[in-house]
Amino acid sequence: MKPHAWRKAANALIAALNAFDAEGVQALFTANAVIDDPSTGHIFEGHAGIGDYVERYFRGYHTVTRFLSLTDLGDNKARLRVDFTGDFGHETGLLVIEADPDGLFVRIDADLE
């Protein structure tokens, strides 16, 4: 994906997460996508897992995500740096995101700085 496409995809993801819109988030991912988030101790697979992730860790903790930066890594991957605030306090996160040729997310590897 080109840098402007990555930014558009990142904005869509952040907007859906901040709205606690599990279906909207799921629509941005392929059916068999994976989110690996060690901070939660879980790997979330497919649309059902991604919906659970949104409900538990975004709606459940009133998480607000703010865009900080985006770096194109090539090979349909990018690194998204975000700011998280919510009932847990404040964290800065790094998301390595991978997309398919249609721009749907295939995988996100999340980590905290």
N, C-alpha and C. Protein backbone atom coordinates (compact mmCIF):
# COMPACT_ATOMS: atom_id res chain seq x y z
N MET A 1 0.85 -1.18 0.00
CA MET A 1 0.00 0.00 0.00
C MET A 1 0.89 1.24 0.00
N LYS A 2 0.37 2.29 -0.55
CA LYS A 2 1.10 3.56 -0.59
C LYS A 2 0.88 4.31 0.72
N PRO A 3 1.79 5.24 1.07
CA PRO A 3 1.67 5.94 2.35
C PRO A 3 0.31 6.58 2.60
N HIS A 4 -0.30 7.21 1.60
CA HIS A 4 -1.62 7.82 1.82
C HIS A 4 -2.68 6.76 2.09
N ALA A 5 -2.54 5.58 1.48
CA ALA A 5 -3.49 4.50 1.73
C ALA A 5 -3.33 3.95 3.15
N TRP A 6 -2.07 3.86 3.61
CA TRP A 6 -1.84 3.42 4.99
C TRP A 6 -2.48 4.40 5.97
N ARG A 7 -2.30 5.69 5.72
CA ARG A 7 -2.86 6.69 6.64
C ARG A 7 -4.38 6.61 6.65
N LYS A 8 -4.98 6.43 5.49
CA LYS A 8 -6.44 6.30 5.41
C LYS A 8 -6.91 5.07 6.18
N ALA A 9 -6.21 3.95 6.02
CA ALA A 9 -6.57 2.72 6.72
C ALA A 9 -6.38 2.88 8.23
N ALA A 10 -5.29 3.53 8.64
CA ALA A 10 -5.04 3.76 10.06
C ALA A 10 -6.12 4.67 10.65
N ASN A 11 -6.49 5.70 9.94
CA ASN A 11 -7.55 6.61 10.41
C ASN A 11 -8.87 5.88 10.58
N ALA A 12 -9.18 5.00 9.62
CA ALA A 12 -10.43 4.23 9.70
C ALA A 12 -10.42 3.30 10.92
N LEU A 13 -9.28 2.65 11.15
CA LEU A 13 -9.17 1.75 12.30
C LEU A 13 -9.32 2.53 13.61
N ILE A 14 -8.61 3.63 13.73
CA ILE A 14 -8.67 4.43 14.96
C ILE A 14 -10.07 4.97 15.19
N ALA A 15 -10.72 5.44 14.15
CA ALA A 15 -12.09 5.96 14.29
C ALA A 15 -13.05 4.88 14.77
N ALA A 16 -12.95 3.68 14.20
CA ALA A 16 -13.83 2.58 14.60
C ALA A 16 -13.53 2.14 16.03
N LEU A 17 -12.25 2.08 16.40
CA LEU A 17 -11.89 1.71 17.77
C LEU A 17 -12.42 2.74 18.76
N ASN A 18 -12.26 4.02 18.45
CA ASN A 18 -12.71 5.07 19.37
C ASN A 18 -14.22 5.12 19.49
N ALA A 19 -14.93 4.62 18.48
CA ALA A 19 -16.39 4.54 18.53
C ALA A 19 -16.86 3.24 19.19
N PHE A 20 -15.90 2.38 19.58
CA PHE A 20 -16.21 1.05 20.13
C PHE A 20 -17.10 0.27 19.18
N ASP A 21 -16.84 0.44 17.88
CA ASP A 21 -17.64 -0.17 16.82
C ASP A 21 -16.99 -1.48 16.38
N ALA A 22 -17.31 -2.56 17.07
CA ALA A 22 -16.70 -3.85 16.78
C ALA A 22 -16.95 -4.28 15.34
N GLU A 23 -18.17 -4.09 14.83
CA GLU A 23 -18.47 -4.48 13.45
C GLU A 23 -17.68 -3.62 12.46
N GLY A 24 -17.53 -2.34 12.76
CA GLY A 24 -16.75 -1.47 11.91
C GLY A 24 -15.28 -1.87 11.87
N VAL A 25 -14.75 -2.27 13.02
CA VAL A 25 -13.36 -2.75 13.07
C VAL A 25 -13.25 -4.05 12.28
N GLN A 26 -14.16 -4.97 12.51
CA GLN A 26 -14.12 -6.26 11.80
C GLN A 26 -14.14 -6.06 10.29
N ALA A 27 -14.88 -5.09 9.81
CA ALA A 27 -14.99 -4.85 8.37
C ALA A 27 -13.67 -4.41 7.75
N LEU A 28 -12.72 -3.97 8.56
CA LEU A 28 -11.42 -3.55 8.06
C LEU A 28 -10.42 -4.70 7.95
N PHE A 29 -10.82 -5.89 8.41
CA PHE A 29 -9.95 -7.06 8.46
C PHE A 29 -10.46 -8.18 7.55
N THR A 30 -9.54 -9.02 7.09
CA THR A 30 -9.93 -10.24 6.38
C THR A 30 -10.60 -11.17 7.39
N ALA A 31 -11.34 -12.14 6.90
CA ALA A 31 -12.08 -13.07 7.76
C ALA A 31 -11.17 -13.89 8.67
N ASN A 32 -9.94 -14.14 8.23
CA ASN A 32 -9.04 -14.97 9.03
C ASN A 32 -7.87 -14.17 9.62
N ALA A 33 -8.07 -12.88 9.79
CA ALA A 33 -7.02 -12.00 10.32
C ALA A 33 -6.68 -12.35 11.76
N VAL A 34 -5.50 -11.87 12.19
CA VAL A 34 -5.01 -12.14 13.54
C VAL A 34 -4.53 -10.83 14.17
N ILE A 35 -4.87 -10.64 15.44
CA ILE A 35 -4.28 -9.58 16.25
C ILE A 35 -3.55 -10.28 17.38
N ASP A 36 -2.24 -10.07 17.45
CA ASP A 36 -1.41 -10.63 18.51
C ASP A 36 -1.03 -9.48 19.43
N ASP A 37 -1.58 -9.47 20.63
CA ASP A 37 -1.35 -8.38 21.58
C ASP A 37 -0.85 -8.96 22.90
N PRO A 38 0.48 -9.05 23.07
CA PRO A 38 1.04 -9.62 24.29
C PRO A 38 0.62 -8.89 25.56
N SER A 39 0.28 -7.59 25.46
CA SER A 39 -0.12 -6.86 26.67
C SER A 39 -1.41 -7.43 27.26
N THR A 40 -2.21 -8.09 26.44
CA THR A 40 -3.44 -8.71 26.94
C THR A 40 -3.24 -10.18 27.29
N GLY A 41 -2.14 -10.75 26.80
CA GLY A 41 -1.89 -12.17 27.01
C GLY A 41 -2.66 -13.05 26.05
N HIS A 42 -3.19 -12.46 24.97
CA HIS A 42 -4.03 -13.23 24.05
C HIS A 42 -3.70 -12.93 22.59
N ILE A 43 -4.05 -13.90 21.75
CA ILE A 43 -4.05 -13.74 20.30
C ILE A 43 -5.51 -13.83 19.88
N PHE A 44 -5.94 -12.88 19.06
CA PHE A 44 -7.34 -12.81 18.64
C PHE A 44 -7.42 -13.17 17.17
N GLU A 45 -8.23 -14.19 16.85
CA GLU A 45 -8.28 -14.72 15.49
C GLU A 45 -9.66 -14.55 14.87
N GLY A 46 -9.66 -14.14 13.60
CA GLY A 46 -10.90 -14.01 12.83
C GLY A 46 -11.76 -12.86 13.34
N HIS A 47 -12.87 -12.69 12.66
CA HIS A 47 -13.77 -11.60 13.03
C HIS A 47 -14.32 -11.74 14.44
N ALA A 48 -14.59 -12.97 14.88
CA ALA A 48 -15.11 -13.16 16.24
C ALA A 48 -14.07 -12.73 17.27
N GLY A 49 -12.84 -13.13 17.07
CA GLY A 49 -11.79 -12.74 18.00
C GLY A 49 -11.54 -11.25 18.01
N ILE A 50 -11.58 -10.63 16.83
CA ILE A 50 -11.35 -9.19 16.73
C ILE A 50 -12.49 -8.44 17.41
N GLY A 51 -13.72 -8.91 17.25
CA GLY A 51 -14.85 -8.30 17.95
C GLY A 51 -14.68 -8.40 19.46
N ASP A 52 -14.22 -9.55 19.94
CA ASP A 52 -13.96 -9.74 21.37
C ASP A 52 -12.88 -8.76 21.85
N TYR A 53 -11.84 -8.59 21.07
CA TYR A 53 -10.76 -7.67 21.39
C TYR A 53 -11.28 -6.24 21.57
N VAL A 54 -12.10 -5.79 20.64
CA VAL A 54 -12.66 -4.44 20.72
C VAL A 54 -13.54 -4.30 21.96
N GLU A 55 -14.39 -5.26 22.21
CA GLU A 55 -15.31 -5.19 23.34
C GLU A 55 -14.57 -5.21 24.67
N ARG A 56 -13.60 -6.10 24.80
CA ARG A 56 -12.91 -6.26 26.09
C ARG A 56 -11.91 -5.15 26.37
N TYR A 57 -11.12 -4.77 25.38
CA TYR A 57 -9.98 -3.90 25.65
C TYR A 57 -10.17 -2.46 25.18
N PHE A 58 -11.18 -2.19 24.41
CA PHE A 58 -11.46 -0.82 24.00
C PHE A 58 -12.73 -0.33 24.68
N ARG A 59 -13.84 -1.00 24.44
CA ARG A 59 -15.07 -0.60 25.14
C ARG A 59 -14.91 -0.85 26.65
N GLY A 60 -14.39 -1.99 27.02
CA GLY A 60 -14.27 -2.37 28.43
C GLY A 60 -13.41 -1.44 29.26
N TYR A 61 -12.38 -0.87 28.66
CA TYR A 61 -11.47 0.03 29.38
C TYR A 61 -11.64 1.49 28.95
N HIS A 62 -12.67 1.76 28.15
CA HIS A 62 -12.93 3.12 27.64
C HIS A 62 -11.68 3.68 26.98
N THR A 63 -11.04 2.86 26.18
CA THR A 63 -9.78 3.23 25.54
C THR A 63 -10.01 4.23 24.42
N VAL A 64 -9.21 5.27 24.44
CA VAL A 64 -9.19 6.25 23.37
C VAL A 64 -7.82 6.16 22.71
N THR A 65 -7.82 6.02 21.40
CA THR A 65 -6.58 5.87 20.63
C THR A 65 -6.35 7.13 19.81
N ARG A 66 -5.10 7.60 19.82
CA ARG A 66 -4.73 8.80 19.07
C ARG A 66 -3.53 8.49 18.19
N PHE A 67 -3.61 8.85 16.93
CA PHE A 67 -2.54 8.66 15.96
C PHE A 67 -1.32 9.49 16.35
N LEU A 68 -0.12 8.86 16.29
CA LEU A 68 1.13 9.59 16.51
C LEU A 68 1.99 9.60 15.26
N SER A 69 2.21 8.43 14.66
CA SER A 69 3.04 8.38 13.45
C SER A 69 2.80 7.07 12.71
N LEU A 70 3.26 7.05 11.46
CA LEU A 70 3.11 5.89 10.60
C LEU A 70 4.36 5.76 9.74
N THR A 71 4.92 4.56 9.68
CA THR A 71 6.10 4.29 8.87
C THR A 71 5.80 3.11 7.95
N ASP A 72 5.95 3.30 6.65
CA ASP A 72 5.78 2.22 5.68
C ASP A 72 7.00 1.32 5.78
N LEU A 73 6.79 0.03 6.01
CA LEU A 73 7.87 -0.94 6.14
C LEU A 73 8.10 -1.74 4.87
N GLY A 74 7.29 -1.51 3.84
CA GLY A 74 7.37 -2.30 2.61
C GLY A 74 6.68 -3.64 2.80
N ASP A 75 6.59 -4.41 1.73
CA ASP A 75 5.96 -5.74 1.77
C ASP A 75 4.57 -5.71 2.41
N ASN A 76 3.79 -4.67 2.11
CA ASN A 76 2.43 -4.53 2.64
C ASN A 76 2.37 -4.47 4.16
N LYS A 77 3.43 -3.91 4.77
CA LYS A 77 3.47 -3.75 6.23
C LYS A 77 3.79 -2.30 6.56
N ALA A 78 3.28 -1.88 7.71
CA ALA A 78 3.57 -0.54 8.23
C ALA A 78 3.62 -0.60 9.75
N ARG A 79 4.30 0.39 10.33
CA ARG A 79 4.34 0.51 11.79
C ARG A 79 3.55 1.76 12.17
N LEU A 80 2.53 1.53 12.98
CA LEU A 80 1.66 2.60 13.45
C LEU A 80 1.97 2.83 14.92
N ARG A 81 2.32 4.06 15.26
CA ARG A 81 2.58 4.43 16.65
C ARG A 81 1.37 5.21 17.13
N VAL A 82 0.81 4.79 18.27
CA VAL A 82 -0.41 5.40 18.78
C VAL A 82 -0.30 5.67 20.28
N ASP A 83 -1.15 6.55 20.74
CA ASP A 83 -1.26 6.90 22.14
C ASP A 83 -2.58 6.31 22.64
N PHE A 84 -2.54 5.55 23.73
CA PHE A 84 -3.74 4.97 24.33
C PHE A 84 -3.99 5.61 25.69
N THR A 85 -5.22 6.02 25.95
CA THR A 85 -5.63 6.42 27.28
C THR A 85 -6.94 5.72 27.60
N GLY A 86 -7.18 5.49 28.87
CA GLY A 86 -8.42 4.83 29.29
C GLY A 86 -8.39 4.56 30.78
N ASP A 87 -9.24 3.67 31.23
CA ASP A 87 -9.34 3.34 32.64
C ASP A 87 -8.03 2.79 33.20
N PHE A 88 -7.15 2.32 32.36
CA PHE A 88 -5.85 1.75 32.76
C PHE A 88 -4.78 2.82 32.93
N GLY A 89 -5.05 4.03 32.44
CA GLY A 89 -4.05 5.09 32.49
C GLY A 89 -3.64 5.51 31.10
N HIS A 90 -2.34 5.53 30.85
CA HIS A 90 -1.79 6.00 29.58
C HIS A 90 -0.68 5.07 29.12
N GLU A 91 -0.68 4.73 27.83
CA GLU A 91 0.36 3.91 27.22
C GLU A 91 0.61 4.40 25.80
N THR A 92 1.81 4.15 25.31
CA THR A 92 2.11 4.38 23.91
C THR A 92 2.29 3.02 23.27
N GLY A 93 1.64 2.81 22.13
CA GLY A 93 1.68 1.51 21.48
C GLY A 93 2.30 1.55 20.10
N LEU A 94 2.87 0.42 19.73
CA LEU A 94 3.38 0.21 18.38
C LEU A 94 2.61 -0.94 17.77
N LEU A 95 2.04 -0.71 16.61
CA LEU A 95 1.28 -1.73 15.90
C LEU A 95 1.96 -1.98 14.56
N VAL A 96 2.47 -3.18 14.36
CA VAL A 96 2.96 -3.56 13.04
C VAL A 96 1.77 -4.17 12.33
N ILE A 97 1.34 -3.49 11.28
CA ILE A 97 0.13 -3.90 10.58
C ILE A 97 0.49 -4.41 9.19
N GLU A 98 -0.22 -5.44 8.79
CA GLU A 98 -0.04 -6.03 7.46
C GLU A 98 -1.38 -6.06 6.77
N ALA A 99 -1.38 -5.70 5.49
CA ALA A 99 -2.63 -5.64 4.72
C ALA A 99 -2.53 -6.52 3.48
N ASP A 100 -3.68 -6.93 2.99
CA ASP A 100 -3.72 -7.67 1.73
C ASP A 100 -3.76 -6.67 0.57
N PRO A 101 -3.72 -7.13 -0.68
CA PRO A 101 -3.72 -6.20 -1.82
C PRO A 101 -4.97 -5.32 -1.90
N ASP A 102 -6.07 -5.73 -1.26
CA ASP A 102 -7.29 -4.94 -1.26
C ASP A 102 -7.32 -3.91 -0.13
N GLY A 103 -6.28 -3.88 0.69
CA GLY A 103 -6.21 -2.92 1.78
C GLY A 103 -6.86 -3.37 3.08
N LEU A 104 -7.27 -4.64 3.15
CA LEU A 104 -7.82 -5.16 4.40
C LEU A 104 -6.67 -5.64 5.28
N PHE A 105 -6.81 -5.44 6.58
CA PHE A 105 -5.79 -5.89 7.50
C PHE A 105 -5.79 -7.42 7.58
N VAL A 106 -4.59 -7.98 7.54
CA VAL A 106 -4.39 -9.42 7.65
C VAL A 106 -3.89 -9.76 9.04
N ARG A 107 -3.05 -8.88 9.58
CA ARG A 107 -2.42 -9.15 10.87
C ARG A 107 -2.00 -7.84 11.51
N ILE A 108 -2.14 -7.81 12.85
CA ILE A 108 -1.56 -6.73 13.64
C ILE A 108 -0.80 -7.37 14.79
N ASP A 109 0.47 -6.98 14.90
CA ASP A 109 1.29 -7.37 16.04
C ASP A 109 1.43 -6.12 16.89
N ALA A 110 0.83 -6.15 18.08
CA ALA A 110 0.78 -4.99 18.96
C ALA A 110 1.82 -5.12 20.05
N ASP A 111 2.36 -3.98 20.47
CA ASP A 111 3.29 -3.96 21.58
C ASP A 111 3.21 -2.58 22.22
N LEU A 112 3.63 -2.49 23.45
CA LEU A 112 3.68 -1.21 24.16
C LEU A 112 5.13 -0.75 24.22
N GLU A 113 5.31 0.55 24.16
CA GLU A 113 6.68 1.09 24.26
C GLU A 113 7.12 1.13 25.70
